[in-house]
């Protein structure tokens, strides 16, 4: 969607896709500091009226772009992001097992992250 704007609301841990003020979808994520700075996406949601329009893929692509610009890794726990990354290895560098384990441990320690 050409008129879609993606906004990173870091304090809320949400990457949102909007068009004309309407929320089209979002990725819920948190920032992991240790063992390395990483964005950890946990949920991808597209509003039902906007499914099938490439919004989820655009959100994931932007999440990886933000991470690259900031020198962060992405440690995906969201199943959609995991599948997208597997299909786009040139845009989605794989996270180390250590980083994925740390992301899972962070969620176990604080289920509010999930």
PDB file of N, CA and C in Angstrom:
ATOM      1  N   UNK A   1       0.851  -1.185   0.000  1.00  0.00           N
ATOM      2  CA  UNK A   1       0.000   0.000   0.000  1.00  0.00           C
ATOM      3  C   UNK A   1       0.888   1.235   0.000  1.00  0.00           C
ATOM      4  N   UNK A   2       0.770   2.029  -1.026  1.00  0.00           N
ATOM      5  CA  UNK A   2       1.638   3.188  -1.202  1.00  0.00           C
ATOM      6  C   UNK A   2       1.430   4.250  -0.127  1.00  0.00           C
ATOM      7  N   UNK A   3       0.222   4.396   0.387  1.00  0.00           N
ATOM      8  CA  UNK A   3      -0.053   5.436   1.365  1.00  0.00           C
ATOM      9  C   UNK A   3       0.133   4.962   2.801  1.00  0.00           C
ATOM     10  N   UNK A   4       0.697   3.788   2.991  1.00  0.00           N
ATOM     11  CA  UNK A   4       0.924   3.247   4.320  1.00  0.00           C
ATOM     12  C   UNK A   4       2.178   3.865   4.928  1.00  0.00           C
ATOM     13  N   UNK A   5       2.054   4.282   6.188  1.00  0.00           N
ATOM     14  CA  UNK A   5       3.171   4.835   6.938  1.00  0.00           C
ATOM     15  C   UNK A   5       3.455   3.877   8.084  1.00  0.00           C
ATOM     16  N   UNK A   6       4.737   3.550   8.272  1.00  0.00           N
ATOM     17  CA  UNK A   6       5.121   2.675   9.372  1.00  0.00           C
ATOM     18  C   UNK A   6       5.818   3.520  10.420  1.00  0.00           C
ATOM     19  N   UNK A   7       5.346   3.402  11.651  1.00  0.00           N
ATOM     20  CA  UNK A   7       5.810   4.218  12.766  1.00  0.00           C
ATOM     21  C   UNK A   7       6.323   3.320  13.878  1.00  0.00           C
ATOM     22  N   UNK A   8       7.523   3.596  14.367  1.00  0.00           N
ATOM     23  CA  UNK A   8       8.108   2.841  15.470  1.00  0.00           C
ATOM     24  C   UNK A   8       7.807   3.558  16.779  1.00  0.00           C
ATOM     25  N   UNK A   9       6.927   2.995  17.576  1.00  0.00           N
ATOM     26  CA  UNK A   9       6.608   3.528  18.900  1.00  0.00           C
ATOM     27  C   UNK A   9       7.427   2.724  19.910  1.00  0.00           C
ATOM     28  N   UNK A  10       8.708   3.037  19.993  1.00  0.00           N
ATOM     29  CA  UNK A  10       9.644   2.267  20.828  1.00  0.00           C
ATOM     30  C   UNK A  10       9.201   2.193  22.286  1.00  0.00           C
ATOM     31  N   UNK A  11       8.721   3.289  22.907  1.00  0.00           N
ATOM     32  CA  UNK A  11       8.309   3.189  24.313  1.00  0.00           C
ATOM     33  C   UNK A  11       7.206   2.148  24.539  1.00  0.00           C
ATOM     34  N   UNK A  12       6.344   1.960  23.557  1.00  0.00           N
ATOM     35  CA  UNK A  12       5.273   0.971  23.691  1.00  0.00           C
ATOM     36  C   UNK A  12       5.658  -0.374  23.085  1.00  0.00           C
ATOM     37  N   UNK A  13       6.809  -0.433  22.417  1.00  0.00           N
ATOM     38  CA  UNK A  13       7.230  -1.683  21.798  1.00  0.00           C
ATOM     39  C   UNK A  13       6.311  -2.096  20.664  1.00  0.00           C
ATOM     40  N   UNK A  14       5.930  -1.113  19.851  1.00  0.00           N
ATOM     41  CA  UNK A  14       5.027  -1.387  18.731  1.00  0.00           C
ATOM     42  C   UNK A  14       5.525  -0.726  17.461  1.00  0.00           C
ATOM     43  N   UNK A  15       5.555  -1.504  16.419  1.00  0.00           N
ATOM     44  CA  UNK A  15       5.817  -0.993  15.084  1.00  0.00           C
ATOM     45  C   UNK A  15       4.463  -1.027  14.387  1.00  0.00           C
ATOM     46  N   UNK A  16       3.940   0.140  14.038  1.00  0.00           N
ATOM     47  CA  UNK A  16       2.575   0.234  13.523  1.00  0.00           C
ATOM     48  C   UNK A  16       2.539   0.654  12.060  1.00  0.00           C
ATOM     49  N   UNK A  17       1.630   0.043  11.322  1.00  0.00           N
ATOM     50  CA  UNK A  17       1.346   0.453   9.945  1.00  0.00           C
ATOM     51  C   UNK A  17       0.008   1.179   9.978  1.00  0.00           C
ATOM     52  N   UNK A  18       0.013   2.393   9.436  1.00  0.00           N
ATOM     53  CA  UNK A  18      -1.201   3.218   9.418  1.00  0.00           C
ATOM     54  C   UNK A  18      -1.390   3.823   8.037  1.00  0.00           C
ATOM     55  N   UNK A  19      -2.634   4.067   7.711  1.00  0.00           N
ATOM     56  CA  UNK A  19      -2.987   4.790   6.485  1.00  0.00           C
ATOM     57  C   UNK A  19      -4.159   5.689   6.830  1.00  0.00           C
ATOM     58  N   UNK A  20      -3.988   6.964   6.543  1.00  0.00           N
ATOM     59  CA  UNK A  20      -5.029   7.954   6.818  1.00  0.00           C
ATOM     60  C   UNK A  20      -5.519   7.857   8.262  1.00  0.00           C
ATOM     61  N   UNK A  21      -4.570   7.652   9.188  1.00  0.00           N
ATOM     62  CA  UNK A  21      -4.892   7.595  10.611  1.00  0.00           C
ATOM     63  C   UNK A  21      -5.414   6.266  11.096  1.00  0.00           C
ATOM     64  N   UNK A  22      -5.706   5.340  10.195  1.00  0.00           N
ATOM     65  CA  UNK A  22      -6.265   4.044  10.574  1.00  0.00           C
ATOM     66  C   UNK A  22      -5.143   3.033  10.809  1.00  0.00           C
ATOM     67  N   UNK A  23      -5.230   2.315  11.932  1.00  0.00           N
ATOM     68  CA  UNK A  23      -4.268   1.264  12.217  1.00  0.00           C
ATOM     69  C   UNK A  23      -4.571   0.068  11.326  1.00  0.00           C
ATOM     70  N   UNK A  24      -3.560  -0.322  10.524  1.00  0.00           N
ATOM     71  CA  UNK A  24      -3.713  -1.457   9.613  1.00  0.00           C
ATOM     72  C   UNK A  24      -3.156  -2.735  10.229  1.00  0.00           C
ATOM     73  N   UNK A  25      -2.108  -2.583  11.008  1.00  0.00           N
ATOM     74  CA  UNK A  25      -1.480  -3.731  11.644  1.00  0.00           C
ATOM     75  C   UNK A  25      -0.306  -3.278  12.479  1.00  0.00           C
ATOM     76  N   UNK A  26       0.260  -4.215  13.239  1.00  0.00           N
ATOM     77  CA  UNK A  26       1.404  -3.874  14.070  1.00  0.00           C
ATOM     78  C   UNK A  26       2.224  -5.106  14.413  1.00  0.00           C
ATOM     79  N   UNK A  27       3.449  -4.848  14.802  1.00  0.00           N
ATOM     80  CA  UNK A  27       4.310  -5.872  15.403  1.00  0.00           C
ATOM     81  C   UNK A  27       4.562  -5.436  16.835  1.00  0.00           C
ATOM     82  N   UNK A  28       4.294  -6.326  17.765  1.00  0.00           N
ATOM     83  CA  UNK A  28       4.618  -6.085  19.168  1.00  0.00           C
ATOM     84  C   UNK A  28       6.023  -6.644  19.394  1.00  0.00           C
ATOM     85  N   UNK A  29       6.900  -5.856  20.013  1.00  0.00           N
ATOM     86  CA  UNK A  29       8.270  -6.303  20.233  1.00  0.00           C
ATOM     87  C   UNK A  29       8.810  -5.715  21.530  1.00  0.00           C
ATOM     88  N   UNK A  30       9.961  -6.240  21.945  1.00  0.00           N
ATOM     89  CA  UNK A  30      10.680  -5.621  23.045  1.00  0.00           C
ATOM     90  C   UNK A  30      12.155  -5.563  22.674  1.00  0.00           C
ATOM     91  N   UNK A  31      12.886  -4.752  23.430  1.00  0.00           N
ATOM     92  CA  UNK A  31      14.318  -4.594  23.192  1.00  0.00           C
ATOM     93  C   UNK A  31      15.064  -5.444  24.210  1.00  0.00           C
ATOM     94  N   UNK A  32      15.973  -6.246  23.705  1.00  0.00           N
ATOM     95  CA  UNK A  32      16.835  -7.076  24.546  1.00  0.00           C
ATOM     96  C   UNK A  32      18.216  -6.426  24.559  1.00  0.00           C
ATOM     97  N   UNK A  33      18.804  -6.294  25.743  1.00  0.00           N
ATOM     98  CA  UNK A  33      20.114  -5.651  25.847  1.00  0.00           C
ATOM     99  C   UNK A  33      21.267  -6.645  25.909  1.00  0.00           C
ATOM    100  N   UNK A  34      21.008  -7.833  26.462  1.00  0.00           N
ATOM    101  CA  UNK A  34      22.082  -8.776  26.716  1.00  0.00           C
ATOM    102  C   UNK A  34      21.680 -10.165  26.216  1.00  0.00           C
ATOM    103  N   UNK A  35      22.478 -10.842  25.488  1.00  0.00           N
ATOM    104  CA  UNK A  35      23.920 -10.718  25.319  1.00  0.00           C
ATOM    105  C   UNK A  35      24.339  -9.715  24.248  1.00  0.00           C
ATOM    106  N   UNK A  36      23.364  -9.191  23.499  1.00  0.00           N
ATOM    107  CA  UNK A  36      23.640  -8.171  22.483  1.00  0.00           C
ATOM    108  C   UNK A  36      22.344  -7.400  22.254  1.00  0.00           C
ATOM    109  N   UNK A  37      22.443  -6.155  21.820  1.00  0.00           N
ATOM    110  CA  UNK A  37      21.224  -5.395  21.542  1.00  0.00           C
ATOM    111  C   UNK A  37      20.411  -6.074  20.433  1.00  0.00           C
ATOM    112  N   UNK A  38      19.128  -6.271  20.715  1.00  0.00           N
ATOM    113  CA  UNK A  38      18.268  -6.936  19.729  1.00  0.00           C
ATOM    114  C   UNK A  38      16.831  -6.469  19.870  1.00  0.00           C
ATOM    115  N   UNK A  39      16.135  -6.467  18.749  1.00  0.00           N
ATOM    116  CA  UNK A  39      14.690  -6.285  18.744  1.00  0.00           C
ATOM    117  C   UNK A  39      14.097  -7.684  18.730  1.00  0.00           C
ATOM    118  N   UNK A  40      13.115  -7.916  19.600  1.00  0.00           N
ATOM    119  CA  UNK A  40      12.511  -9.244  19.726  1.00  0.00           C
ATOM    120  C   UNK A  40      11.014  -9.143  19.402  1.00  0.00           C
ATOM    121  N   UNK A  41      10.637  -9.433  18.156  1.00  0.00           N
ATOM    122  CA  UNK A  41       9.213  -9.403  17.821  1.00  0.00           C
ATOM    123  C   UNK A  41       8.509 -10.631  18.386  1.00  0.00           C
ATOM    124  N   UNK A  42       7.358 -10.383  19.034  1.00  0.00           N
ATOM    125  CA  UNK A  42       6.615 -11.484  19.645  1.00  0.00           C
ATOM    126  C   UNK A  42       5.255 -11.721  18.998  1.00  0.00           C
ATOM    127  N   UNK A  43       4.675 -10.701  18.391  1.00  0.00           N
ATOM    128  CA  UNK A  43       3.370 -10.851  17.729  1.00  0.00           C
ATOM    129  C   UNK A  43       3.301  -9.946  16.503  1.00  0.00           C
ATOM    130  N   UNK A  44       2.706 -10.458  15.443  1.00  0.00           N
ATOM    131  CA  UNK A  44       2.381  -9.644  14.274  1.00  0.00           C
ATOM    132  C   UNK A  44       0.884  -9.752  14.073  1.00  0.00           C
ATOM    133  N   UNK A  45       0.231  -8.606  13.993  1.00  0.00           N
ATOM    134  CA  UNK A  45      -1.225  -8.564  13.841  1.00  0.00           C
ATOM    135  C   UNK A  45      -1.576  -7.639  12.682  1.00  0.00           C
ATOM    136  N   UNK A  46      -2.426  -8.119  11.796  1.00  0.00           N
ATOM    137  CA  UNK A  46      -2.989  -7.277  10.739  1.00  0.00           C
ATOM    138  C   UNK A  46      -4.494  -7.279  10.942  1.00  0.00           C
ATOM    139  N   UNK A  47      -5.071  -6.092  10.909  1.00  0.00           N
ATOM    140  CA  UNK A  47      -6.518  -5.986  11.079  1.00  0.00           C
ATOM    141  C   UNK A  47      -7.212  -6.769   9.964  1.00  0.00           C
ATOM    142  N   UNK A  48      -8.290  -7.485  10.297  1.00  0.00           N
ATOM    143  CA  UNK A  48      -8.940  -8.364   9.309  1.00  0.00           C
ATOM    144  C   UNK A  48      -9.278  -7.687   7.976  1.00  0.00           C
ATOM    145  N   UNK A  49      -9.704  -6.446   8.007  1.00  0.00           N
ATOM    146  CA  UNK A  49     -10.073  -5.750   6.762  1.00  0.00           C
ATOM    147  C   UNK A  49      -8.866  -5.479   5.864  1.00  0.00           C
ATOM    148  N   UNK A  50      -7.654  -5.665   6.397  1.00  0.00           N
ATOM    149  CA  UNK A  50      -6.448  -5.343   5.636  1.00  0.00           C
ATOM    150  C   UNK A  50      -5.546  -6.552   5.390  1.00  0.00           C
ATOM    151  N   UNK A  51      -6.042  -7.734   5.710  1.00  0.00           N
ATOM    152  CA  UNK A  51      -5.251  -8.943   5.475  1.00  0.00           C
ATOM    153  C   UNK A  51      -5.045  -9.159   3.979  1.00  0.00           C
ATOM    154  N   UNK A  52      -3.927  -9.780   3.630  1.00  0.00           N
ATOM    155  CA  UNK A  52      -3.649 -10.119   2.243  1.00  0.00           C
ATOM    156  C   UNK A  52      -3.150  -8.957   1.393  1.00  0.00           C
ATOM    157  N   UNK A  53      -2.777  -7.855   2.019  1.00  0.00           N
ATOM    158  CA  UNK A  53      -2.326  -6.671   1.283  1.00  0.00           C
ATOM    159  C   UNK A  53      -0.827  -6.416   1.448  1.00  0.00           C
ATOM    160  N   UNK A  54      -0.105  -7.357   2.050  1.00  0.00           N
ATOM    161  CA  UNK A  54       1.328  -7.206   2.219  1.00  0.00           C
ATOM    162  C   UNK A  54       1.748  -6.370   3.410  1.00  0.00           C
ATOM    163  N   UNK A  55       0.817  -6.071   4.291  1.00  0.00           N
ATOM    164  CA  UNK A  55       1.122  -5.208   5.428  1.00  0.00           C
ATOM    165  C   UNK A  55       2.064  -5.892   6.408  1.00  0.00           C
ATOM    166  N   UNK A  56       1.814  -7.148   6.717  1.00  0.00           N
ATOM    167  CA  UNK A  56       2.679  -7.863   7.662  1.00  0.00           C
ATOM    168  C   UNK A  56       4.110  -7.925   7.130  1.00  0.00           C
ATOM    169  N   UNK A  57       4.262  -8.240   5.869  1.00  0.00           N
ATOM    170  CA  UNK A  57       5.595  -8.287   5.278  1.00  0.00           C
ATOM    171  C   UNK A  57       6.285  -6.937   5.308  1.00  0.00           C
ATOM    172  N   UNK A  58       5.533  -5.874   5.054  1.00  0.00           N
ATOM    173  CA  UNK A  58       6.108  -4.522   5.115  1.00  0.00           C
ATOM    174  C   UNK A  58       6.562  -4.186   6.526  1.00  0.00           C
ATOM    175  N   UNK A  59       5.787  -4.598   7.514  1.00  0.00           N
ATOM    176  CA  UNK A  59       6.170  -4.358   8.906  1.00  0.00           C
ATOM    177  C   UNK A  59       7.458  -5.098   9.254  1.00  0.00           C
ATOM    178  N   UNK A  60       7.544  -6.356   8.855  1.00  0.00           N
ATOM    179  CA  UNK A  60       8.737  -7.140   9.167  1.00  0.00           C
ATOM    180  C   UNK A  60       9.951  -6.573   8.446  1.00  0.00           C
ATOM    181  N   UNK A  61       9.788  -6.219   7.188  1.00  0.00           N
ATOM    182  CA  UNK A  61      10.897  -5.634   6.423  1.00  0.00           C
ATOM    183  C   UNK A  61      11.402  -4.362   7.125  1.00  0.00           C
ATOM    184  N   UNK A  62      10.488  -3.530   7.600  1.00  0.00           N
ATOM    185  CA  UNK A  62      10.883  -2.300   8.288  1.00  0.00           C
ATOM    186  C   UNK A  62      11.531  -2.610   9.644  1.00  0.00           C
ATOM    187  N   UNK A  63      11.054  -3.623  10.350  1.00  0.00           N
ATOM    188  CA  UNK A  63      11.673  -4.008  11.615  1.00  0.00           C
ATOM    189  C   UNK A  63      13.144  -4.368  11.400  1.00  0.00           C
ATOM    190  N   UNK A  64      13.417  -5.177  10.371  1.00  0.00           N
ATOM    191  CA  UNK A  64      14.802  -5.544  10.075  1.00  0.00           C
ATOM    192  C   UNK A  64      15.608  -4.325   9.616  1.00  0.00           C
ATOM    193  N   UNK A  65      14.989  -3.417   8.890  1.00  0.00           N
ATOM    194  CA  UNK A  65      15.692  -2.212   8.445  1.00  0.00           C
ATOM    195  C   UNK A  65      16.050  -1.326   9.640  1.00  0.00           C
ATOM    196  N   UNK A  66      15.126  -1.169  10.566  1.00  0.00           N
ATOM    197  CA  UNK A  66      15.401  -0.387  11.780  1.00  0.00           C
ATOM    198  C   UNK A  66      16.553  -1.022  12.549  1.00  0.00           C
ATOM    199  N   UNK A  67      16.492  -2.320  12.726  1.00  0.00           N
ATOM    200  CA  UNK A  67      17.552  -3.022  13.457  1.00  0.00           C
ATOM    201  C   UNK A  67      18.903  -2.800  12.781  1.00  0.00           C
ATOM    202  N   UNK A  68      18.934  -2.908  11.469  1.00  0.00           N
ATOM    203  CA  UNK A  68      20.192  -2.717  10.738  1.00  0.00           C
ATOM    204  C   UNK A  68      20.720  -1.295  10.920  1.00  0.00           C
ATOM    205  N   UNK A  69      19.835  -0.313  10.824  1.00  0.00           N
ATOM    206  CA  UNK A  69      20.261   1.085  10.978  1.00  0.00           C
ATOM    207  C   UNK A  69      20.820   1.354  12.371  1.00  0.00           C
ATOM    208  N   UNK A  70      20.265   0.684  13.372  1.00  0.00           N
ATOM    209  CA  UNK A  70      20.658   0.936  14.757  1.00  0.00           C
ATOM    210  C   UNK A  70      21.739  -0.014  15.255  1.00  0.00           C
ATOM    211  N   UNK A  71      22.167  -0.946  14.418  1.00  0.00           N
ATOM    212  CA  UNK A  71      23.188  -1.898  14.836  1.00  0.00           C
ATOM    213  C   UNK A  71      22.663  -2.972  15.773  1.00  0.00           C
ATOM    214  N   UNK A  72      21.379  -3.273  15.674  1.00  0.00           N
ATOM    215  CA  UNK A  72      20.746  -4.293  16.500  1.00  0.00           C
ATOM    216  C   UNK A  72      20.594  -5.568  15.673  1.00  0.00           C
ATOM    217  N   UNK A  73      20.484  -6.675  16.365  1.00  0.00           N
ATOM    218  CA  UNK A  73      20.072  -7.927  15.744  1.00  0.00           C
ATOM    219  C   UNK A  73      18.553  -8.016  15.874  1.00  0.00           C
ATOM    220  N   UNK A  74      17.953  -8.984  15.218  1.00  0.00           N
ATOM    221  CA  UNK A  74      16.541  -9.307  15.427  1.00  0.00           C
ATOM    222  C   UNK A  74      16.509 -10.753  15.892  1.00  0.00           C
ATOM    223  N   UNK A  75      15.847 -10.976  17.021  1.00  0.00           N
ATOM    224  CA  UNK A  75      15.688 -12.319  17.581  1.00  0.00           C
ATOM    225  C   UNK A  75      14.201 -12.655  17.547  1.00  0.00           C
ATOM    226  N   UNK A  76      13.709 -13.177  16.428  1.00  0.00           N
ATOM    227  CA  UNK A  76      12.270 -13.368  16.276  1.00  0.00           C
ATOM    228  C   UNK A  76      11.708 -14.526  17.094  1.00  0.00           C
ATOM    229  N   UNK A  77      10.666 -14.213  17.853  1.00  0.00           N
ATOM    230  CA  UNK A  77       9.885 -15.235  18.538  1.00  0.00           C
ATOM    231  C   UNK A  77       8.508 -15.369  17.899  1.00  0.00           C
ATOM    232  N   UNK A  78       8.096 -14.364  17.168  1.00  0.00           N
ATOM    233  CA  UNK A  78       6.810 -14.376  16.458  1.00  0.00           C
ATOM    234  C   UNK A  78       6.903 -15.374  15.300  1.00  0.00           C
ATOM    235  N   UNK A  79       5.982 -16.333  15.221  1.00  0.00           N
ATOM    236  CA  UNK A  79       6.039 -17.313  14.136  1.00  0.00           C
ATOM    237  C   UNK A  79       5.995 -16.694  12.739  1.00  0.00           C
ATOM    238  N   UNK A  80       5.232 -15.626  12.548  1.00  0.00           N
ATOM    239  CA  UNK A  80       5.185 -14.997  11.229  1.00  0.00           C
ATOM    240  C   UNK A  80       6.553 -14.427  10.862  1.00  0.00           C
ATOM    241  N   UNK A  81       7.197 -13.746  11.798  1.00  0.00           N
ATOM    242  CA  UNK A  81       8.501 -13.153  11.529  1.00  0.00           C
ATOM    243  C   UNK A  81       9.533 -14.251  11.253  1.00  0.00           C
ATOM    244  N   UNK A  82       9.450 -15.353  11.982  1.00  0.00           N
ATOM    245  CA  UNK A  82      10.365 -16.475  11.749  1.00  0.00           C
ATOM    246  C   UNK A  82      10.210 -16.989  10.316  1.00  0.00           C
ATOM    247  N   UNK A  83       8.962 -17.182   9.871  1.00  0.00           N
ATOM    248  CA  UNK A  83       8.712 -17.668   8.503  1.00  0.00           C
ATOM    249  C   UNK A  83       9.178 -16.656   7.462  1.00  0.00           C
ATOM    250  N   UNK A  84       8.885 -15.373   7.692  1.00  0.00           N
ATOM    251  CA  UNK A  84       9.290 -14.332   6.748  1.00  0.00           C
ATOM    252  C   UNK A  84      10.808 -14.304   6.626  1.00  0.00           C
ATOM    253  N   UNK A  85      11.499 -14.358   7.757  1.00  0.00           N
ATOM    254  CA  UNK A  85      12.964 -14.312   7.753  1.00  0.00           C
ATOM    255  C   UNK A  85      13.547 -15.503   6.990  1.00  0.00           C
ATOM    256  N   UNK A  86      12.945 -16.663   7.132  1.00  0.00           N
ATOM    257  CA  UNK A  86      13.431 -17.852   6.419  1.00  0.00           C
ATOM    258  C   UNK A  86      13.302 -17.682   4.906  1.00  0.00           C
ATOM    259  N   UNK A  87      12.277 -16.954   4.473  1.00  0.00           N
ATOM    260  CA  UNK A  87      12.054 -16.724   3.040  1.00  0.00           C
ATOM    261  C   UNK A  87      12.886 -15.563   2.495  1.00  0.00           C
ATOM    262  N   UNK A  88      13.423 -14.721   3.363  1.00  0.00           N
ATOM    263  CA  UNK A  88      14.160 -13.524   2.951  1.00  0.00           C
ATOM    264  C   UNK A  88      15.508 -13.435   3.669  1.00  0.00           C
ATOM    265  N   UNK A  89      16.354 -14.454   3.532  1.00  0.00           N
ATOM    266  CA  UNK A  89      17.615 -14.442   4.292  1.00  0.00           C
ATOM    267  C   UNK A  89      18.538 -13.284   3.926  1.00  0.00           C
ATOM    268  N   UNK A  90      18.378 -12.737   2.730  1.00  0.00           N
ATOM    269  CA  UNK A  90      19.208 -11.594   2.338  1.00  0.00           C
ATOM    270  C   UNK A  90      18.824 -10.321   3.090  1.00  0.00           C
ATOM    271  N   UNK A  91      17.603 -10.252   3.585  1.00  0.00           N
ATOM    272  CA  UNK A  91      17.134  -9.076   4.326  1.00  0.00           C
ATOM    273  C   UNK A  91      17.058  -9.324   5.825  1.00  0.00           C
ATOM    274  N   UNK A  92      17.123 -10.590   6.220  1.00  0.00           N
ATOM    275  CA  UNK A  92      16.886 -10.963   7.611  1.00  0.00           C
ATOM    276  C   UNK A  92      18.013 -11.848   8.123  1.00  0.00           C
ATOM    277  N   UNK A  93      19.097 -11.245   8.579  1.00  0.00           N
ATOM    278  CA  UNK A  93      20.203 -12.049   9.106  1.00  0.00           C
ATOM    279  C   UNK A  93      19.723 -12.930  10.267  1.00  0.00           C
ATOM    280  N   UNK A  94      20.198 -14.153  10.274  1.00  0.00           N
ATOM    281  CA  UNK A  94      19.808 -15.098  11.330  1.00  0.00           C
ATOM    282  C   UNK A  94      20.376 -14.663  12.670  1.00  0.00           C
ATOM    283  N   UNK A  95      19.583 -14.839  13.694  1.00  0.00           N
ATOM    284  CA  UNK A  95      20.027 -14.553  15.063  1.00  0.00           C
ATOM    285  C   UNK A  95      20.771 -15.764  15.598  1.00  0.00           C
ATOM    286  N   UNK A  96      21.724 -15.521  16.458  1.00  0.00           N
ATOM    287  CA  UNK A  96      22.456 -16.623  17.080  1.00  0.00           C
ATOM    288  C   UNK A  96      21.541 -17.379  18.039  1.00  0.00           C
ATOM    289  N   UNK A  97      21.868 -18.619  18.281  1.00  0.00           N
ATOM    290  CA  UNK A  97      21.091 -19.409  19.234  1.00  0.00           C
ATOM    291  C   UNK A  97      21.154 -18.781  20.623  1.00  0.00           C
ATOM    292  N   UNK A  98      22.307 -18.231  20.978  1.00  0.00           N
ATOM    293  CA  UNK A  98      22.457 -17.570  22.280  1.00  0.00           C
ATOM    294  C   UNK A  98      21.469 -16.407  22.416  1.00  0.00           C
ATOM    295  N   UNK A  99      21.310 -15.649  21.365  1.00  0.00           N
ATOM    296  CA  UNK A  99      20.393 -14.510  21.387  1.00  0.00           C
ATOM    297  C   UNK A  99      18.940 -14.983  21.465  1.00  0.00           C
ATOM    298  N   UNK A 100      18.597 -16.003  20.699  1.00  0.00           N
ATOM    299  CA  UNK A 100      17.235 -16.548  20.754  1.00  0.00           C
ATOM    300  C   UNK A 100      16.927 -17.116  22.137  1.00  0.00           C
ATOM    301  N   UNK A 101      17.897 -17.815  22.720  1.00  0.00           N
ATOM    302  CA  UNK A 101      17.700 -18.358  24.067  1.00  0.00           C
ATOM    303  C   UNK A 101      17.504 -17.241  25.083  1.00  0.00           C
ATOM    304  N   UNK A 102      18.271 -16.156  24.951  1.00  0.00           N
ATOM    305  CA  UNK A 102      18.133 -15.017  25.863  1.00  0.00           C
ATOM    306  C   UNK A 102      16.767 -14.355  25.698  1.00  0.00           C
ATOM    307  N   UNK A 103      16.278 -14.261  24.462  1.00  0.00           N
ATOM    308  CA  UNK A 103      14.957 -13.674  24.208  1.00  0.00           C
ATOM    309  C   UNK A 103      13.870 -14.529  24.852  1.00  0.00           C
ATOM    310  N   UNK A 104      13.972 -15.843  24.684  1.00  0.00           N
ATOM    311  CA  UNK A 104      12.983 -16.747  25.311  1.00  0.00           C
ATOM    312  C   UNK A 104      13.042 -16.640  26.839  1.00  0.00           C
ATOM    313  N   UNK A 105      14.250 -16.571  27.389  1.00  0.00           N
ATOM    314  CA  UNK A 105      14.401 -16.442  28.839  1.00  0.00           C
ATOM    315  C   UNK A 105      13.796 -15.125  29.339  1.00  0.00           C
ATOM    316  N   UNK A 106      13.935 -14.059  28.560  1.00  0.00           N
ATOM    317  CA  UNK A 106      13.349 -12.763  28.946  1.00  0.00           C
ATOM    318  C   UNK A 106      11.837 -12.851  29.003  1.00  0.00           C
ATOM    319  N   UNK A 107      11.242 -13.583  28.066  1.00  0.00           N
ATOM    320  CA  UNK A 107       9.778 -13.748  28.070  1.00  0.00           C
ATOM    321  C   UNK A 107       9.356 -14.614  29.241  1.00  0.00           C
ATOM    322  N   UNK A 108      10.107 -15.678  29.519  1.00  0.00           N
ATOM    323  CA  UNK A 108       9.779 -16.526  30.664  1.00  0.00           C
ATOM    324  C   UNK A 108       9.871 -15.751  31.969  1.00  0.00           C
ATOM    325  N   UNK A 109      10.842 -14.867  32.070  1.00  0.00           N
ATOM    326  CA  UNK A 109      11.020 -14.064  33.296  1.00  0.00           C
ATOM    327  C   UNK A 109       9.955 -12.981  33.425  1.00  0.00           C
ATOM    328  N   UNK A 110       9.431 -12.520  32.302  1.00  0.00           N
ATOM    329  CA  UNK A 110       8.414 -11.450  32.303  1.00  0.00           C
ATOM    330  C   UNK A 110       7.371 -11.754  31.240  1.00  0.00           C
ATOM    331  N   UNK A 111       6.359 -12.558  31.573  1.00  0.00           N
ATOM    332  CA  UNK A 111       5.335 -12.941  30.579  1.00  0.00           C
ATOM    333  C   UNK A 111       4.583 -11.758  29.966  1.00  0.00           C
ATOM    334  N   UNK A 112       4.658 -10.587  30.600  1.00  0.00           N
ATOM    335  CA  UNK A 112       4.028  -9.397  30.028  1.00  0.00           C
ATOM    336  C   UNK A 112       4.642  -9.034  28.670  1.00  0.00           C
ATOM    337  N   UNK A 113       5.868  -9.487  28.445  1.00  0.00           N
ATOM    338  CA  UNK A 113       6.527  -9.226  27.161  1.00  0.00           C
ATOM    339  C   UNK A 113       5.822  -9.979  26.035  1.00  0.00           C
ATOM    340  N   UNK A 114       5.182 -11.081  26.372  1.00  0.00           N
ATOM    341  CA  UNK A 114       4.532 -11.909  25.352  1.00  0.00           C
ATOM    342  C   UNK A 114       3.165 -11.341  25.118  1.00  0.00           C
TER     343      UNK A 114
END
